[in-house]
Amino acid sequence: MRPGRADVLKLIGDATPEQASRMFLKFHPGEDEAAEHFATALSSASGPSEPPPRISMAMLQGFFMTHRQDGAMGCLQNTHALLEEARMLAQLQDQLSEAKEKAGQQETAFVK
């Protein structure tokens, strides 16, 4: 197969709490309790009227790489930074969707 060819497309969704916990343990082996707290903090970060933050595996990996010297407790203390990054990314995605929709409406009006 030549490089760059894609025969299969597969959706890779957001990280589940279990995946977040397992990745925490990859960076901080033996810290089971801290990993559970981390996963719980991510899954319960939203209010009752808002969806949970969308956090990809790549975002998690970047977070752990950034805080790899902070230890398990340091990661727990900086969970707010990951959640803020996820919220900002969601806002940017919403703005992009709105801009695309608006551009499509303008294009349709121009064609008529």
Protein backbone atom coordinates (compact mmCIF):
# COMPACT_ATOMS: atom_id res chain seq x y z
CA MET A 1 0.00 0.00 0.00
CA ARG A 2 1.40 3.37 -0.91
CA PRO A 3 1.83 5.98 1.87
CA GLY A 4 -1.15 8.22 2.50
CA ARG A 5 -3.73 5.82 1.16
CA ALA A 6 -6.78 5.27 3.34
CA ASP A 7 -8.98 2.30 2.58
CA VAL A 8 -10.86 2.38 5.87
CA LEU A 9 -12.36 5.37 7.61
CA LYS A 10 -13.14 4.98 11.28
CA LEU A 11 -14.52 7.50 13.76
CA ILE A 12 -12.42 7.82 16.87
CA GLY A 13 -14.66 9.43 19.45
CA ASP A 14 -13.88 11.31 22.61
CA ALA A 15 -12.13 9.68 25.53
CA THR A 16 -14.33 7.74 27.90
CA PRO A 17 -13.77 7.97 31.67
CA GLU A 18 -12.24 4.47 31.57
CA GLN A 19 -9.79 5.50 28.83
CA ALA A 20 -8.87 8.64 30.78
CA SER A 21 -8.22 6.55 33.87
CA ARG A 22 -6.10 4.03 31.95
CA MET A 23 -4.03 6.77 30.32
CA PHE A 24 -3.52 8.39 33.74
CA LEU A 25 -2.12 5.06 34.93
CA LYS A 26 0.21 4.85 31.92
CA PHE A 27 1.83 8.10 33.05
CA HIS A 28 1.45 7.43 36.80
CA PRO A 29 1.60 3.65 37.40
CA GLY A 30 0.16 2.47 40.70
CA GLU A 31 -1.86 5.63 41.28
CA ASP A 32 -5.24 3.85 40.97
CA GLU A 33 -7.11 6.10 43.37
CA ALA A 34 -5.81 9.28 41.72
CA ALA A 35 -6.73 7.86 38.30
CA GLU A 36 -10.30 7.30 39.48
CA HIS A 37 -10.50 10.84 40.86
CA PHE A 38 -9.20 12.17 37.54
CA ALA A 39 -11.78 10.26 35.49
CA THR A 40 -14.56 11.34 37.85
CA ALA A 41 -13.45 14.97 37.69
CA LEU A 42 -13.60 14.90 33.88
CA SER A 43 -16.97 13.17 33.65
CA SER A 44 -18.64 15.33 36.29
CA ALA A 45 -17.19 18.66 35.16
CA SER A 46 -20.35 19.92 33.50
CA GLY A 47 -23.48 21.28 35.07
CA PRO A 48 -26.91 19.66 34.78
CA SER A 49 -27.89 21.74 31.72
CA GLU A 50 -24.65 21.39 29.77
CA PRO A 51 -23.04 18.37 28.09
CA PRO A 52 -19.80 16.96 29.48
CA PRO A 53 -16.65 18.45 27.95
CA ARG A 54 -15.41 16.72 24.80
CA ILE A 55 -11.86 15.54 25.45
CA SER A 56 -10.00 13.53 22.85
CA MET A 57 -7.29 11.00 23.56
CA ALA A 58 -4.82 13.39 21.90
CA MET A 59 -5.83 16.16 24.33
CA LEU A 60 -5.31 13.77 27.24
CA GLN A 61 -1.91 12.73 25.97
CA GLY A 62 -0.88 16.35 25.51
CA PHE A 63 -2.07 17.17 29.03
CA PHE A 64 -0.08 14.30 30.55
CA MET A 65 3.02 15.19 28.53
CA THR A 66 2.78 18.81 29.69
CA HIS A 67 2.37 17.76 33.33
CA ARG A 68 4.57 14.65 33.33
CA GLN A 69 6.94 16.17 35.90
CA ASP A 70 4.08 17.23 38.21
CA GLY A 71 3.28 13.76 39.49
CA ALA A 72 -0.19 12.31 39.97
CA MET A 73 -1.28 14.97 42.44
CA GLY A 74 -0.04 17.74 40.16
CA CYS A 75 -2.13 16.34 37.32
CA LEU A 76 -5.19 16.26 39.55
CA GLN A 77 -4.57 19.85 40.62
CA ASN A 78 -4.28 20.94 36.97
CA THR A 79 -7.37 19.14 35.69
CA HIS A 80 -9.06 22.54 35.43
CA ALA A 81 -6.58 23.50 32.68
CA LEU A 82 -7.59 20.49 30.58
CA LEU A 83 -11.28 21.26 31.09
CA GLU A 84 -10.74 24.90 30.15
CA GLU A 85 -8.91 23.85 26.99
CA ALA A 86 -11.81 21.55 26.08
CA ARG A 87 -14.33 24.36 26.64
CA MET A 88 -12.33 26.80 24.54
CA LEU A 89 -11.99 24.26 21.74
CA ALA A 90 -15.75 23.64 21.82
CA GLN A 91 -16.40 27.39 21.56
CA LEU A 92 -14.06 27.69 18.59
CA GLN A 93 -15.74 24.73 16.89
CA ASP A 94 -19.15 26.34 17.45
CA GLN A 95 -17.93 29.65 16.02
CA LEU A 96 -16.50 27.87 12.99
CA SER A 97 -19.76 26.01 12.41
CA GLU A 98 -21.73 29.25 12.67
CA ALA A 99 -19.37 31.01 10.25
CA LYS A 100 -19.66 28.15 7.75
CA GLU A 101 -23.44 28.18 8.06
CA LYS A 102 -23.55 31.94 7.61
CA ALA A 103 -21.22 31.75 4.59
CA GLY A 104 -23.44 29.06 3.08
CA GLN A 105 -26.52 31.25 3.54
CA GLN A 106 -24.76 34.19 1.92
CA GLU A 107 -23.64 31.99 -0.97
CA THR A 108 -27.21 30.77 -1.49
CA ALA A 109 -28.55 34.33 -1.45
CA PHE A 110 -25.92 35.38 -4.01
CA VAL A 111 -26.78 32.53 -6.39
CA LYS A 112 -30.49 33.41 -6.48
